[in-house]
Amino acid sequence: IAIKEAIANGENWIRCHEILTTAQIIDEQR
């Protein structure tokens, strides 16, 4: 169970990181 939770948290962190990176790129393009 702990391993599955860690994997899920890792995927969520990657998604959040991608969203933040995309937001930064959009801000730079403005």
Foldseek 3Di string as FASTA:
>chain_A
DVVVVVVVVVVVVVVVVVVVVVVVVVVVVD
